Structures are given as structure tokens and as C-alpha cells.
Amino acid sequence: MCGSGTIAIEAALIALARAPGLLLNNYGFMFIKGFPEDLWQGLRRKARNSAEKNCRQKLSPQT
């Protein structure tokens, strides 16, 4: 079993529409020859921007 807060943290990230693994920086596939680093960084940037936008919308006070 994972740590006691893992399920709650994963649930919160899903509720905020965060991309899975966005908080991680190192994956095995990154070391494959020909790995498209620029493409990967662009996708991560897009996911981070989307997550920040969704987070602001869901956590902002309703008027």
C-alpha cells in the first residue's frame, strides 16, 4: 500500500484536472536515443498551464 495520503492527494489532483506525473521530472523513456526533448518540454508546459488555469477556476470564489 502506498503512503496514507497518496489516495487523497491523487484524488485532489484528478479533481483539479492535473496531468498524471506532472510533478515528476525524470522518466526512463527520456534516456532513449532520439528522445524529442523539445516536444516533451512543450507538452509539459501545456499541461502545467492547463492545470494552473483549471486550479484557478475551481478554487476561485464564486460570485
C-alpha atoms as a PDB file:
ATOM      1  CA  MET A   1       0.000   0.000   0.000  1.00  0.00           C
ATOM      2  CA  CYS A   2       1.181   3.496  -0.704  1.00  0.00           C
ATOM      3  CA  GLY A   3       1.552   6.178   1.931  1.00  0.00           C
ATOM      4  CA  SER A   4      -1.568   7.174   3.836  1.00  0.00           C
ATOM      5  CA  GLY A   5      -2.022  10.437   1.935  1.00  0.00           C
ATOM      6  CA  THR A   6      -1.405   9.087  -1.564  1.00  0.00           C
ATOM      7  CA  ILE A   7      -5.021   8.288  -2.427  1.00  0.00           C
ATOM      8  CA  ALA A   8      -6.269  11.646  -1.136  1.00  0.00           C
ATOM      9  CA  ILE A   9      -3.530  13.533  -2.996  1.00  0.00           C
ATOM     10  CA  GLU A  10      -4.206  11.646  -6.245  1.00  0.00           C
ATOM     11  CA  ALA A  11      -7.938  12.334  -5.872  1.00  0.00           C
ATOM     12  CA  ALA A  12      -7.272  16.056  -5.399  1.00  0.00           C
ATOM     13  CA  LEU A  13      -5.012  16.148  -8.471  1.00  0.00           C
ATOM     14  CA  ILE A  14      -7.662  14.384 -10.547  1.00  0.00           C
ATOM     15  CA  ALA A  15     -10.342  16.805  -9.288  1.00  0.00           C
ATOM     16  CA  LEU A  16      -8.132  19.709 -10.377  1.00  0.00           C
ATOM     17  CA  ALA A  17      -7.603  18.093 -13.809  1.00  0.00           C
ATOM     18  CA  ARG A  18      -3.838  17.849 -13.322  1.00  0.00           C
ATOM     19  CA  ALA A  19      -1.915  15.661 -15.758  1.00  0.00           C
ATOM     20  CA  PRO A  20      -0.622  12.468 -14.108  1.00  0.00           C
ATOM     21  CA  GLY A  21       3.040  12.668 -13.161  1.00  0.00           C
ATOM     22  CA  LEU A  22       3.257  16.404 -13.780  1.00  0.00           C
ATOM     23  CA  LEU A  23       5.186  16.821 -10.537  1.00  0.00           C
ATOM     24  CA  LEU A  24       7.831  14.288 -11.627  1.00  0.00           C
ATOM     25  CA  ASN A  25      10.867  15.275 -13.683  1.00  0.00           C
ATOM     26  CA  ASN A  26      12.612  12.016 -14.586  1.00  0.00           C
ATOM     27  CA  TYR A  27      11.251   9.129 -16.656  1.00  0.00           C
ATOM     28  CA  GLY A  28      13.119   6.196 -18.174  1.00  0.00           C
ATOM     29  CA  PHE A  29      11.922   6.958 -21.708  1.00  0.00           C
ATOM     30  CA  MET A  30      13.802  10.259 -21.557  1.00  0.00           C
ATOM     31  CA  PHE A  31      17.067   8.329 -21.997  1.00  0.00           C
ATOM     32  CA  ILE A  32      16.076   6.603 -25.241  1.00  0.00           C
ATOM     33  CA  LYS A  33      18.210   7.668 -28.190  1.00  0.00           C
ATOM     34  CA  GLY A  34      16.322  10.183 -30.297  1.00  0.00           C
ATOM     35  CA  PHE A  35      14.015  11.265 -27.468  1.00  0.00           C
ATOM     36  CA  PRO A  36      12.339  14.534 -28.612  1.00  0.00           C
ATOM     37  CA  GLU A  37      13.245  16.758 -25.644  1.00  0.00           C
ATOM     38  CA  ASP A  38      11.745  19.929 -27.163  1.00  0.00           C
ATOM     39  CA  LEU A  39       8.427  18.223 -27.884  1.00  0.00           C
ATOM     40  CA  TRP A  40       8.309  16.756 -24.365  1.00  0.00           C
ATOM     41  CA  GLN A  41       9.005  20.103 -22.725  1.00  0.00           C
ATOM     42  CA  GLY A  42       6.302  21.738 -24.851  1.00  0.00           C
ATOM     43  CA  LEU A  43       3.763  19.110 -23.795  1.00  0.00           C
ATOM     44  CA  ARG A  44       4.727  19.540 -20.124  1.00  0.00           C
ATOM     45  CA  ARG A  45       4.441  23.320 -20.420  1.00  0.00           C
ATOM     46  CA  LYS A  46       0.985  22.994 -21.978  1.00  0.00           C
ATOM     47  CA  ALA A  47      -0.139  20.582 -19.236  1.00  0.00           C
ATOM     48  CA  ARG A  48       1.193  22.878 -16.480  1.00  0.00           C
ATOM     49  CA  ASN A  49      -0.560  25.910 -17.970  1.00  0.00           C
ATOM     50  CA  SER A  50      -3.812  23.982 -18.284  1.00  0.00           C
ATOM     51  CA  ALA A  51      -3.528  22.714 -14.707  1.00  0.00           C
ATOM     52  CA  GLU A  52      -2.888  26.213 -13.368  1.00  0.00           C
ATOM     53  CA  LYS A  53      -5.878  27.590 -15.280  1.00  0.00           C
ATOM     54  CA  ASN A  54      -8.165  24.787 -14.050  1.00  0.00           C
ATOM     55  CA  CYS A  55      -6.917  25.202 -10.496  1.00  0.00           C
ATOM     56  CA  ARG A  56      -7.590  28.964 -10.508  1.00  0.00           C
ATOM     57  CA  GLN A  57     -11.091  28.416 -11.903  1.00  0.00           C
ATOM     58  CA  LYS A  58     -12.013  25.707  -9.402  1.00  0.00           C
ATOM     59  CA  LEU A  59     -10.523  27.419  -6.365  1.00  0.00           C
ATOM     60  CA  SER A  60     -11.633  30.985  -7.064  1.00  0.00           C
ATOM     61  CA  PRO A  61     -14.565  32.312  -5.032  1.00  0.00           C
ATOM     62  CA  GLN A  62     -17.909  32.104  -6.793  1.00  0.00           C
ATOM     63  CA  THR A  63     -19.554  35.480  -7.341  1.00  0.00           C
END
